[in-house]
Amino acid sequence: QLQLFPKLGKLGIADTQFKWFHSYLTGGYQRVVWNGTESEFLPVEYGVRQGSIVGPILYLVLIADVTSCVGVGNEDYSGYADDFFLWAVGDSLEGVGSLLESRADTFSRFAGGNSLLMIGGNAKKKDVAVFTINVGGVEVHPSDEIEFLGVKFDSGFTTVPHNINVG
């Protein structure tokens, strides 16, 4: 929540609108109801309340500066909702590996600085050339499948794994 306030200010949100966002993002409580059992109300310490219609917009505000912080151009990344993909192309395997590892490490620092959790199990590398990279101190190995915007691809970049899951 705290990382959002300066970013809202940079977007020109001030005075009454800023107070509204501050009030909305602080002091909230929520509970879980599952199979008829209700938890106690607990304070929302991170993020926004579940089911919030402004939550996705606030997330986009939070990550709007990711490309300038990570130092990539439009041809070096892709993202949709809460998925973010980095890639690198180069003349040598070593150069690509070094560039990709550097970008991934910078992104890891950006995520941590914005209180975003990177789920290490989701980090995958397409096995075009065999090498490993480190992302935030975690070694990422080649994968037989990779998921991109909800579609699973195999090592030949076909959608066979996705088609099996859908069928």
C-alpha atoms as a PDB file:
ATOM      1  CA  GLN A   1       0.000   0.000   0.000  1.00  0.00           C
ATOM      2  CA  LEU A   2       2.716   2.475   0.930  1.00  0.00           C
ATOM      3  CA  GLN A   3       4.437   2.099  -2.452  1.00  0.00           C
ATOM      4  CA  LEU A   4       1.222   3.194  -4.171  1.00  0.00           C
ATOM      5  CA  PHE A   5       0.919   6.605  -2.531  1.00  0.00           C
ATOM      6  CA  PRO A   6       3.930   8.294  -4.211  1.00  0.00           C
ATOM      7  CA  LYS A   7       2.937   6.751  -7.546  1.00  0.00           C
ATOM      8  CA  LEU A   8      -0.599   8.111  -7.225  1.00  0.00           C
ATOM      9  CA  GLY A   9       0.917  11.527  -6.512  1.00  0.00           C
ATOM     10  CA  LYS A  10       3.060  11.314  -9.664  1.00  0.00           C
ATOM     11  CA  LEU A  11      -0.144  10.726 -11.630  1.00  0.00           C
ATOM     12  CA  GLY A  12      -1.546  14.004 -10.308  1.00  0.00           C
ATOM     13  CA  ILE A  13      -3.887  12.481  -7.748  1.00  0.00           C
ATOM     14  CA  ALA A  14      -4.000  14.971  -4.874  1.00  0.00           C
ATOM     15  CA  ASP A  15      -6.208  16.586  -2.266  1.00  0.00           C
ATOM     16  CA  THR A  16      -9.654  14.982  -1.992  1.00  0.00           C
ATOM     17  CA  GLN A  17      -8.894  12.180  -4.445  1.00  0.00           C
ATOM     18  CA  PHE A  18      -5.664  11.309  -2.629  1.00  0.00           C
ATOM     19  CA  LYS A  19      -7.491  11.303   0.713  1.00  0.00           C
ATOM     20  CA  TRP A  20     -10.113   8.963  -0.766  1.00  0.00           C
ATOM     21  CA  PHE A  21      -7.431   6.494  -1.930  1.00  0.00           C
ATOM     22  CA  HIS A  22      -5.611   6.748   1.406  1.00  0.00           C
ATOM     23  CA  SER A  23      -8.829   6.070   3.302  1.00  0.00           C
ATOM     24  CA  TYR A  24      -9.710   3.173   0.999  1.00  0.00           C
ATOM     25  CA  LEU A  25      -6.266   1.553   1.224  1.00  0.00           C
ATOM     26  CA  THR A  26      -5.808   1.858   4.992  1.00  0.00           C
ATOM     27  CA  GLY A  27      -7.839   0.655   7.921  1.00  0.00           C
ATOM     28  CA  GLY A  28      -9.809  -2.014   6.072  1.00  0.00           C
ATOM     29  CA  TYR A  29     -10.853  -5.402   7.429  1.00  0.00           C
ATOM     30  CA  GLN A  30     -11.934  -8.578   5.700  1.00  0.00           C
ATOM     31  CA  ARG A  31     -12.800 -12.147   6.522  1.00  0.00           C
ATOM     32  CA  VAL A  32     -13.036 -15.473   4.729  1.00  0.00           C
ATOM     33  CA  VAL A  33     -16.247 -17.465   4.437  1.00  0.00           C
ATOM     34  CA  TRP A  34     -15.737 -21.047   3.288  1.00  0.00           C
ATOM     35  CA  ASN A  35     -18.253 -23.894   3.379  1.00  0.00           C
ATOM     36  CA  GLY A  36     -20.419 -21.906   5.763  1.00  0.00           C
ATOM     37  CA  THR A  37     -17.575 -21.279   8.213  1.00  0.00           C
ATOM     38  CA  GLU A  38     -16.586 -17.661   8.827  1.00  0.00           C
ATOM     39  CA  SER A  39     -13.188 -16.476   9.978  1.00  0.00           C
ATOM     40  CA  GLU A  40     -12.778 -13.482  12.238  1.00  0.00           C
ATOM     41  CA  PHE A  41     -12.314 -10.080  10.629  1.00  0.00           C
ATOM     42  CA  LEU A  42      -8.624  -9.219  10.261  1.00  0.00           C
ATOM     43  CA  PRO A  43      -6.967  -6.003   9.090  1.00  0.00           C
ATOM     44  CA  VAL A  44      -5.911  -5.786   5.450  1.00  0.00           C
ATOM     45  CA  GLU A  45      -2.211  -5.057   5.881  1.00  0.00           C
ATOM     46  CA  TYR A  46      -1.090  -5.579   2.277  1.00  0.00           C
ATOM     47  CA  GLY A  47      -2.724  -5.023  -1.076  1.00  0.00           C
ATOM     48  CA  VAL A  48      -6.386  -4.229  -1.472  1.00  0.00           C
ATOM     49  CA  ARG A  49      -9.526  -5.944  -0.281  1.00  0.00           C
ATOM     50  CA  GLN A  50     -10.489  -9.018  -2.296  1.00  0.00           C
ATOM     51  CA  GLY A  51     -13.211  -8.362  -4.842  1.00  0.00           C
ATOM     52  CA  SER A  52     -12.263  -4.708  -5.174  1.00  0.00           C
ATOM     53  CA  ILE A  53     -13.125  -3.162  -8.531  1.00  0.00           C
ATOM     54  CA  VAL A  54     -10.280  -0.646  -8.190  1.00  0.00           C
ATOM     55  CA  GLY A  55      -7.720  -3.331  -7.260  1.00  0.00           C
ATOM     56  CA  PRO A  56      -6.696  -4.141 -10.861  1.00  0.00           C
ATOM     57  CA  ILE A  57      -6.342  -0.441 -11.680  1.00  0.00           C
ATOM     58  CA  LEU A  58      -4.214   0.173  -8.590  1.00  0.00           C
ATOM     59  CA  TYR A  59      -2.037  -2.798  -9.562  1.00  0.00           C
ATOM     60  CA  LEU A  60      -1.440  -1.219 -12.976  1.00  0.00           C
ATOM     61  CA  VAL A  61      -0.489   2.049 -11.238  1.00  0.00           C
ATOM     62  CA  LEU A  62       1.940   0.110  -9.035  1.00  0.00           C
ATOM     63  CA  ILE A  63       3.731  -1.554 -11.965  1.00  0.00           C
ATOM     64  CA  ALA A  64       3.428   1.262 -14.527  1.00  0.00           C
ATOM     65  CA  ASP A  65       7.107   2.186 -14.160  1.00  0.00           C
ATOM     66  CA  VAL A  66       8.423  -1.371 -14.424  1.00  0.00           C
ATOM     67  CA  THR A  67       9.963  -0.902 -17.877  1.00  0.00           C
ATOM     68  CA  SER A  68      11.925   2.199 -16.919  1.00  0.00           C
ATOM     69  CA  CYS A  69      13.077   0.594 -13.655  1.00  0.00           C
ATOM     70  CA  VAL A  70      14.089  -2.674 -15.308  1.00  0.00           C
ATOM     71  CA  GLY A  71      15.591  -0.900 -18.317  1.00  0.00           C
ATOM     72  CA  VAL A  72      13.844  -2.763 -21.112  1.00  0.00           C
ATOM     73  CA  GLY A  73      12.175  -1.484 -24.247  1.00  0.00           C
ATOM     74  CA  ASN A  74       8.877  -2.557 -25.776  1.00  0.00           C
ATOM     75  CA  GLU A  75      10.584  -5.314 -27.768  1.00  0.00           C
ATOM     76  CA  ASP A  76      12.124  -6.941 -24.667  1.00  0.00           C
ATOM     77  CA  TYR A  77       9.108  -7.719 -22.496  1.00  0.00           C
ATOM     78  CA  SER A  78       5.425  -8.511 -22.540  1.00  0.00           C
ATOM     79  CA  GLY A  79       2.830  -8.363 -19.845  1.00  0.00           C
ATOM     80  CA  TYR A  80      -0.838  -8.871 -19.221  1.00  0.00           C
ATOM     81  CA  ALA A  81      -2.598  -8.384 -15.897  1.00  0.00           C
ATOM     82  CA  ASP A  82      -0.189  -9.778 -13.284  1.00  0.00           C
ATOM     83  CA  ASP A  83       1.992 -11.755 -15.720  1.00  0.00           C
ATOM     84  CA  PHE A  84       5.276 -10.241 -16.855  1.00  0.00           C
ATOM     85  CA  PHE A  85       7.684 -11.834 -19.322  1.00  0.00           C
ATOM     86  CA  LEU A  86      11.273 -10.877 -20.120  1.00  0.00           C
ATOM     87  CA  TRP A  87      13.276 -12.201 -23.027  1.00  0.00           C
ATOM     88  CA  ALA A  88      16.567 -11.552 -24.724  1.00  0.00           C
ATOM     89  CA  VAL A  89      17.986 -12.195 -28.180  1.00  0.00           C
ATOM     90  CA  GLY A  90      21.655 -11.892 -29.036  1.00  0.00           C
ATOM     91  CA  ASP A  91      24.634 -13.053 -31.037  1.00  0.00           C
ATOM     92  CA  SER A  92      26.073 -15.369 -28.406  1.00  0.00           C
ATOM     93  CA  LEU A  93      24.722 -17.728 -25.789  1.00  0.00           C
ATOM     94  CA  GLU A  94      26.827 -16.067 -23.109  1.00  0.00           C
ATOM     95  CA  GLY A  95      25.585 -12.606 -24.071  1.00  0.00           C
ATOM     96  CA  VAL A  96      21.936 -13.649 -24.034  1.00  0.00           C
ATOM     97  CA  GLY A  97      22.319 -15.456 -20.717  1.00  0.00           C
ATOM     98  CA  SER A  98      24.073 -12.500 -19.131  1.00  0.00           C
ATOM     99  CA  LEU A  99      21.529  -9.987 -20.442  1.00  0.00           C
ATOM    100  CA  LEU A 100      18.552 -12.091 -19.380  1.00  0.00           C
ATOM    101  CA  GLU A 101      19.987 -12.747 -15.932  1.00  0.00           C
ATOM    102  CA  SER A 102      20.703  -9.044 -15.459  1.00  0.00           C
ATOM    103  CA  ARG A 103      17.163  -8.079 -16.497  1.00  0.00           C
ATOM    104  CA  ALA A 104      15.605 -10.773 -14.317  1.00  0.00           C
ATOM    105  CA  ASP A 105      17.689  -9.703 -11.318  1.00  0.00           C
ATOM    106  CA  THR A 106      16.696  -6.062 -11.825  1.00  0.00           C
ATOM    107  CA  PHE A 107      13.047  -7.105 -12.104  1.00  0.00           C
ATOM    108  CA  SER A 108      13.391  -9.137  -8.909  1.00  0.00           C
ATOM    109  CA  ARG A 109      14.648  -6.022  -7.092  1.00  0.00           C
ATOM    110  CA  PHE A 110      11.808  -3.940  -8.585  1.00  0.00           C
ATOM    111  CA  ALA A 111       9.259  -6.507  -7.394  1.00  0.00           C
ATOM    112  CA  GLY A 112      10.730  -6.610  -3.889  1.00  0.00           C
ATOM    113  CA  GLY A 113      10.858  -2.822  -3.676  1.00  0.00           C
ATOM    114  CA  ASN A 114       7.171  -2.679  -4.557  1.00  0.00           C
ATOM    115  CA  SER A 115       6.152  -5.437  -2.109  1.00  0.00           C
ATOM    116  CA  LEU A 116       5.341  -7.807  -4.963  1.00  0.00           C
ATOM    117  CA  LEU A 117       5.928 -11.502  -4.487  1.00  0.00           C
ATOM    118  CA  MET A 118       7.695 -13.355  -7.273  1.00  0.00           C
ATOM    119  CA  ILE A 119       6.608 -16.961  -7.261  1.00  0.00           C
ATOM    120  CA  GLY A 120       9.810 -18.857  -8.022  1.00  0.00           C
ATOM    121  CA  GLY A 121       7.975 -21.937  -9.263  1.00  0.00           C
ATOM    122  CA  ASN A 122       6.552 -19.896 -12.126  1.00  0.00           C
ATOM    123  CA  ALA A 123       9.944 -18.788 -13.437  1.00  0.00           C
ATOM    124  CA  LYS A 124      10.770 -20.851 -16.503  1.00  0.00           C
ATOM    125  CA  LYS A 125      13.208 -20.666 -19.360  1.00  0.00           C
ATOM    126  CA  LYS A 126      12.545 -21.854 -22.885  1.00  0.00           C
ATOM    127  CA  ASP A 127      15.119 -24.513 -23.764  1.00  0.00           C
ATOM    128  CA  VAL A 128      16.388 -23.147 -27.072  1.00  0.00           C
ATOM    129  CA  ALA A 129      19.965 -23.282 -25.828  1.00  0.00           C
ATOM    130  CA  VAL A 130      20.977 -25.103 -22.671  1.00  0.00           C
ATOM    131  CA  PHE A 131      22.114 -22.741 -19.936  1.00  0.00           C
ATOM    132  CA  THR A 132      20.789 -21.682 -16.567  1.00  0.00           C
ATOM    133  CA  ILE A 133      20.163 -18.228 -15.177  1.00  0.00           C
ATOM    134  CA  ASN A 134      19.701 -16.904 -11.662  1.00  0.00           C
ATOM    135  CA  VAL A 135      16.689 -14.800 -10.691  1.00  0.00           C
ATOM    136  CA  GLY A 136      16.929 -13.274  -7.255  1.00  0.00           C
ATOM    137  CA  GLY A 137      19.457 -15.918  -6.207  1.00  0.00           C
ATOM    138  CA  VAL A 138      17.320 -18.835  -7.444  1.00  0.00           C
ATOM    139  CA  GLU A 139      18.641 -20.925 -10.335  1.00  0.00           C
ATOM    140  CA  VAL A 140      16.114 -21.259 -13.185  1.00  0.00           C
ATOM    141  CA  HIS A 141      16.438 -24.407 -15.299  1.00  0.00           C
ATOM    142  CA  PRO A 142      15.078 -25.248 -18.765  1.00  0.00           C
ATOM    143  CA  SER A 143      11.481 -26.408 -18.919  1.00  0.00           C
ATOM    144  CA  ASP A 144       9.699 -28.723 -21.362  1.00  0.00           C
ATOM    145  CA  GLU A 145       6.623 -26.500 -21.148  1.00  0.00           C
ATOM    146  CA  ILE A 146       6.112 -22.800 -20.711  1.00  0.00           C
ATOM    147  CA  GLU A 147       2.893 -20.907 -20.053  1.00  0.00           C
ATOM    148  CA  PHE A 148       2.328 -17.569 -21.734  1.00  0.00           C
ATOM    149  CA  LEU A 149      -0.879 -15.651 -20.978  1.00  0.00           C
ATOM    150  CA  GLY A 150      -2.664 -18.827 -19.938  1.00  0.00           C
ATOM    151  CA  VAL A 151      -1.631 -20.883 -22.975  1.00  0.00           C
ATOM    152  CA  LYS A 152       0.835 -23.761 -22.504  1.00  0.00           C
ATOM    153  CA  PHE A 153       3.495 -24.326 -25.168  1.00  0.00           C
ATOM    154  CA  ASP A 154       5.908 -27.238 -25.584  1.00  0.00           C
ATOM    155  CA  SER A 155       9.578 -27.142 -26.623  1.00  0.00           C
ATOM    156  CA  GLY A 156       8.532 -26.977 -30.297  1.00  0.00           C
ATOM    157  CA  PHE A 157       6.354 -23.967 -29.449  1.00  0.00           C
ATOM    158  CA  THR A 158       3.155 -25.862 -30.270  1.00  0.00           C
ATOM    159  CA  THR A 159       0.020 -25.676 -28.142  1.00  0.00           C
ATOM    160  CA  VAL A 160      -0.298 -29.453 -27.672  1.00  0.00           C
ATOM    161  CA  PRO A 161       0.003 -29.215 -23.839  1.00  0.00           C
ATOM    162  CA  HIS A 162      -2.666 -26.514 -23.788  1.00  0.00           C
ATOM    163  CA  ASN A 163      -4.989 -28.492 -26.050  1.00  0.00           C
ATOM    164  CA  ILE A 164      -4.673 -31.545 -23.779  1.00  0.00           C
ATOM    165  CA  ASN A 165      -5.600 -29.455 -20.716  1.00  0.00           C
ATOM    166  CA  VAL A 166      -8.562 -27.835 -22.452  1.00  0.00           C
ATOM    167  CA  GLY A 167      -9.866 -31.134 -23.856  1.00  0.00           C
END
